[in-house]
Protein backbone atom coordinates (compact mmCIF):
# COMPACT_ATOMS: atom_id res chain seq x y z
CA UNK A 1 6.06 -74.98 -42.76
CA UNK A 2 4.34 -73.82 -39.62
CA UNK A 3 6.28 -72.63 -36.68
CA UNK A 4 4.47 -73.49 -33.44
CA UNK A 5 5.44 -72.37 -29.87
CA UNK A 6 4.45 -74.57 -27.02
CA UNK A 7 4.47 -73.06 -23.48
CA UNK A 8 4.05 -74.86 -20.34
CA UNK A 9 4.51 -73.75 -16.67
CA UNK A 10 7.04 -76.35 -15.72
CA UNK A 11 9.45 -79.00 -17.20
CA UNK A 12 7.36 -82.09 -16.32
CA UNK A 13 4.34 -80.66 -18.53
CA UNK A 14 6.77 -79.76 -21.34
CA UNK A 15 8.34 -83.20 -21.10
CA UNK A 16 4.93 -84.81 -21.56
CA UNK A 17 4.11 -82.69 -24.62
CA UNK A 18 7.55 -83.60 -26.12
CA UNK A 19 7.06 -87.24 -25.68
CA UNK A 20 3.59 -87.00 -27.37
CA UNK A 21 4.79 -84.98 -30.35
CA UNK A 22 7.99 -86.89 -30.88
CA UNK A 23 10.64 -85.26 -33.16
CA UNK A 24 8.39 -82.79 -34.95
CA UNK A 25 10.53 -79.79 -36.17
CA UNK A 26 7.60 -77.59 -36.31
CA UNK A 27 7.32 -77.19 -32.49
CA UNK A 28 9.52 -75.23 -30.19
CA UNK A 29 9.24 -75.19 -26.35
CA UNK A 30 9.59 -72.67 -23.64
CA UNK A 31 8.78 -72.58 -19.94
CA UNK A 32 6.18 -69.97 -18.87
CA UNK A 33 6.73 -70.39 -15.04
CA UNK A 34 3.79 -70.56 -12.60
CA UNK A 35 1.43 -67.67 -12.41
CA UNK A 36 -0.26 -65.23 -14.78
CA UNK A 37 2.70 -62.42 -14.17
CA UNK A 38 5.41 -64.82 -15.13
CA UNK A 39 3.42 -66.32 -17.99
CA UNK A 40 2.87 -62.91 -19.57
CA UNK A 41 6.45 -61.98 -19.22
CA UNK A 42 7.86 -64.96 -20.45
CA UNK A 43 5.23 -65.22 -23.29
CA UNK A 44 6.11 -61.79 -24.51
CA UNK A 45 9.81 -62.47 -24.40
CA UNK A 46 9.47 -65.73 -26.32
CA UNK A 47 7.09 -64.21 -28.93
CA UNK A 48 9.66 -61.27 -29.61
CA UNK A 49 12.23 -63.71 -30.55
CA UNK A 50 10.71 -65.05 -33.59
CA UNK A 51 7.62 -65.08 -35.88
CA UNK A 52 5.23 -67.76 -34.91
CA UNK A 53 1.96 -69.07 -36.60
CA UNK A 54 0.61 -70.51 -33.36
CA UNK A 55 0.98 -70.57 -29.57
CA UNK A 56 -0.13 -73.56 -27.66
CA UNK A 57 -0.46 -73.22 -23.93
CA UNK A 58 -0.56 -76.90 -22.42
CA UNK A 59 -0.47 -78.32 -18.94
CA UNK A 60 -2.41 -79.89 -16.27
CA UNK A 61 -5.30 -78.22 -14.45
CA UNK A 62 -8.09 -78.55 -12.02
CA UNK A 63 -11.59 -79.31 -13.59
CA UNK A 64 -14.99 -78.22 -12.51
CA UNK A 65 -16.98 -80.97 -11.03
CA UNK A 66 -19.72 -82.23 -13.54
CA UNK A 67 -17.78 -80.48 -16.49
CA UNK A 68 -14.35 -81.98 -16.63
CA UNK A 69 -13.58 -85.34 -14.91
CA UNK A 70 -10.00 -86.25 -13.71
CA UNK A 71 -7.92 -87.72 -16.53
CA UNK A 72 -9.96 -85.85 -19.21
CA UNK A 73 -8.90 -83.09 -21.65
CA UNK A 74 -10.21 -79.68 -22.09
CA UNK A 75 -9.56 -77.47 -25.18
CA UNK A 76 -10.26 -73.79 -24.42
CA UNK A 77 -12.99 -72.10 -26.59
CA UNK A 78 -12.19 -68.86 -24.35
CA UNK A 79 -9.45 -67.91 -22.15
CA UNK A 80 -10.61 -65.88 -19.18
CA UNK A 81 -8.83 -64.23 -16.13
CA UNK A 82 -11.48 -65.17 -13.72
CA UNK A 83 -10.45 -63.21 -10.60
CA UNK A 84 -9.14 -59.99 -12.39
CA UNK A 85 -11.58 -57.34 -10.98
CA UNK A 86 -12.95 -55.89 -7.92
CA UNK A 87 -14.70 -57.53 -5.06
CA UNK A 88 -17.76 -55.44 -3.85
CA UNK A 89 -20.31 -55.76 -1.11
CA UNK A 90 -22.91 -57.03 -3.60
CA UNK A 91 -20.54 -59.28 -5.59
CA UNK A 92 -17.62 -59.41 -7.96
CA UNK A 93 -17.18 -57.05 -10.97
CA UNK A 94 -14.64 -57.97 -13.75
CA UNK A 95 -12.56 -55.44 -15.47
CA UNK A 96 -14.79 -55.59 -18.29
CA UNK A 97 -17.85 -54.60 -16.18
CA UNK A 98 -15.81 -51.86 -14.62
CA UNK A 99 -14.71 -50.54 -18.22
CA UNK A 100 -11.05 -50.86 -17.39
CA UNK A 101 -10.09 -53.57 -19.88
CA UNK A 102 -10.80 -57.05 -20.96
CA UNK A 103 -10.45 -60.22 -19.03
CA UNK A 104 -11.20 -62.44 -22.09
CA UNK A 105 -8.89 -63.64 -24.98
CA UNK A 106 -10.80 -65.22 -27.83
CA UNK A 107 -9.38 -68.43 -29.70
CA UNK A 108 -9.90 -69.70 -33.13
CA UNK A 109 -13.28 -71.29 -32.65
CA UNK A 110 -12.82 -73.75 -35.72
CA UNK A 111 -9.25 -74.80 -34.59
CA UNK A 112 -10.59 -75.51 -31.02
CA UNK A 113 -13.51 -77.57 -32.56
CA UNK A 114 -11.20 -79.39 -34.99
CA UNK A 115 -8.67 -80.36 -32.14
CA UNK A 116 -11.34 -81.32 -29.83
CA UNK A 117 -13.04 -83.47 -32.43
CA UNK A 118 -9.66 -85.20 -33.34
CA UNK A 119 -9.01 -85.93 -29.59
CA UNK A 120 -12.37 -87.49 -29.25
CA UNK A 121 -11.80 -89.52 -32.62
CA UNK A 122 -8.74 -90.91 -30.95
CA UNK A 123 -10.85 -92.20 -28.24
CA UNK A 124 -9.66 -89.74 -25.49
CA UNK A 125 -12.17 -87.99 -23.18
CA UNK A 126 -12.15 -84.38 -24.41
CA UNK A 127 -14.39 -81.39 -24.54
CA UNK A 128 -14.23 -77.61 -25.50
CA UNK A 129 -15.04 -75.07 -22.94
CA UNK A 130 -13.91 -71.92 -21.12
CA UNK A 131 -10.50 -72.37 -19.39
CA UNK A 132 -10.13 -69.91 -16.35
CA UNK A 133 -6.81 -68.45 -15.32
CA UNK A 134 -6.67 -67.55 -11.62
CA UNK A 135 -3.98 -65.94 -9.52
CA UNK A 136 -4.96 -68.24 -6.40
CA UNK A 137 -5.85 -71.91 -7.10
CA UNK A 138 -9.37 -72.53 -5.70
CA UNK A 139 -9.49 -74.44 -2.61
CA UNK A 140 -13.06 -74.19 -1.17
CA UNK A 141 -16.37 -75.23 -2.57
CA UNK A 142 -17.75 -71.69 -2.18
CA UNK A 143 -15.18 -70.20 -4.43
CA UNK A 144 -15.60 -72.89 -6.99
CA UNK A 145 -19.40 -72.30 -7.16
CA UNK A 146 -18.73 -68.43 -7.38
CA UNK A 147 -16.47 -69.19 -10.32
CA UNK A 148 -18.70 -71.55 -12.02
CA UNK A 149 -21.68 -68.94 -11.66
CA UNK A 150 -19.39 -66.09 -12.91
CA UNK A 151 -18.35 -68.09 -15.99
CA UNK A 152 -21.28 -70.42 -17.22
CA UNK A 153 -19.81 -73.56 -18.70
CA UNK A 154 -16.26 -72.94 -17.21
CA UNK A 155 -14.43 -76.41 -17.54
CA UNK A 156 -11.15 -76.07 -16.13
CA UNK A 157 -8.84 -73.69 -13.92
CA UNK A 158 -5.04 -72.98 -14.21
CA UNK A 159 -2.67 -70.21 -13.50
CA UNK A 160 -0.94 -69.16 -16.68
CA UNK A 161 -3.18 -69.20 -19.93
CA UNK A 162 -4.50 -65.64 -19.77
CA UNK A 163 -0.94 -64.27 -19.43
CA UNK A 164 0.47 -66.16 -22.38
CA UNK A 165 -2.65 -65.47 -24.52
CA UNK A 166 -2.39 -61.73 -23.95
CA UNK A 167 1.16 -61.57 -25.10
CA UNK A 168 0.04 -63.64 -28.17
CA UNK A 169 -2.94 -61.52 -28.92
CA UNK A 170 -0.64 -58.40 -28.70
CA UNK A 171 1.55 -59.92 -31.43
CA UNK A 172 -1.40 -60.97 -33.54
CA UNK A 173 -0.53 -64.72 -33.04
CA UNK A 174 -3.46 -67.15 -32.60
CA UNK A 175 -3.46 -69.23 -29.40
CA UNK A 176 -4.64 -72.69 -28.34
CA UNK A 177 -5.01 -73.84 -24.58
CA UNK A 178 -5.10 -77.64 -23.86
CA UNK A 179 -5.46 -78.77 -20.33
CA UNK A 180 -5.39 -82.22 -18.75
CA UNK A 181 -7.29 -82.60 -15.62
CA UNK A 182 -5.51 -83.71 -12.57
CA UNK A 183 -7.91 -82.98 -9.78
CA UNK A 184 -11.38 -81.57 -9.00
CA UNK A 185 -11.67 -77.95 -8.45
CA UNK A 186 -12.79 -77.11 -4.69
CA UNK A 187 -11.49 -78.53 -1.31
CA UNK A 188 -7.98 -79.58 -1.98
CA UNK A 189 -7.75 -83.26 -1.20
CA UNK A 190 -4.24 -84.00 -2.47
CA UNK A 191 -4.86 -87.76 -1.91
CA UNK A 192 -7.45 -87.57 -4.80
CA UNK A 193 -5.19 -85.85 -7.34
CA UNK A 194 -4.06 -88.03 -10.27
CA UNK A 195 -1.19 -86.04 -11.75
CA UNK A 196 0.28 -89.14 -13.28
CA UNK A 197 -2.93 -89.66 -15.28
CA UNK A 198 -3.08 -86.05 -16.32
CA UNK A 199 0.38 -86.32 -17.73
CA UNK A 200 -0.58 -89.30 -19.72
CA UNK A 201 -3.54 -87.72 -21.10
CA UNK A 202 -1.43 -84.66 -22.02
CA UNK A 203 1.16 -86.81 -23.71
CA UNK A 204 -1.70 -88.77 -25.72
CA UNK A 205 -3.35 -85.32 -26.69
CA UNK A 206 -0.04 -84.03 -27.88
CA UNK A 207 0.46 -87.13 -30.30
CA UNK A 208 -2.93 -86.21 -31.81
CA UNK A 209 -1.90 -82.68 -32.10
CA UNK A 210 0.99 -83.58 -34.31
CA UNK A 211 -1.42 -85.16 -36.88
CA UNK A 212 -3.96 -82.30 -36.69
CA UNK A 213 -2.07 -79.13 -36.94
């Protein structure tokens, strides 16, 4: 039987996933905390406790306008630390470009495609695309445009994925990231956020996961 670790930033995200999965003994849960540093540390600690077949990063996120609408789901086909690098006079250079390391963690493409197809078959609005990890949540149209230009096709933005994924990569454990969109990336209009709808989408996606994995 597979042993799968599900990591969310905070308890309400975990609770939504647990409601969707029901009493499925394959899945274990841990909180990552908020932000890339806490997520990396807690991911490494959890992965050192036992041998897992898969790590699922799950939670709500911001969606890029025109790519992922509020209430929809994004399955990461790549996990990218989008603001890890150096800002220069002529623009931004990532660690990859500087030759200091990597800002990308690959996912199992076949798994991401299978999960995305299953979500769509269940009638959910879902797509695969790059999910960005940032240290500072985007709050301006200019930053949103810069990130979209930096990572063509970027669909969603959150704050933990790359940290957990790096820990999983170090342990040789495959990773899957699923995000439910609660708000549009850009100017932070809290009145337009639909966190409740995002939690419902996350719960619905988790019920499909139990059947697909």
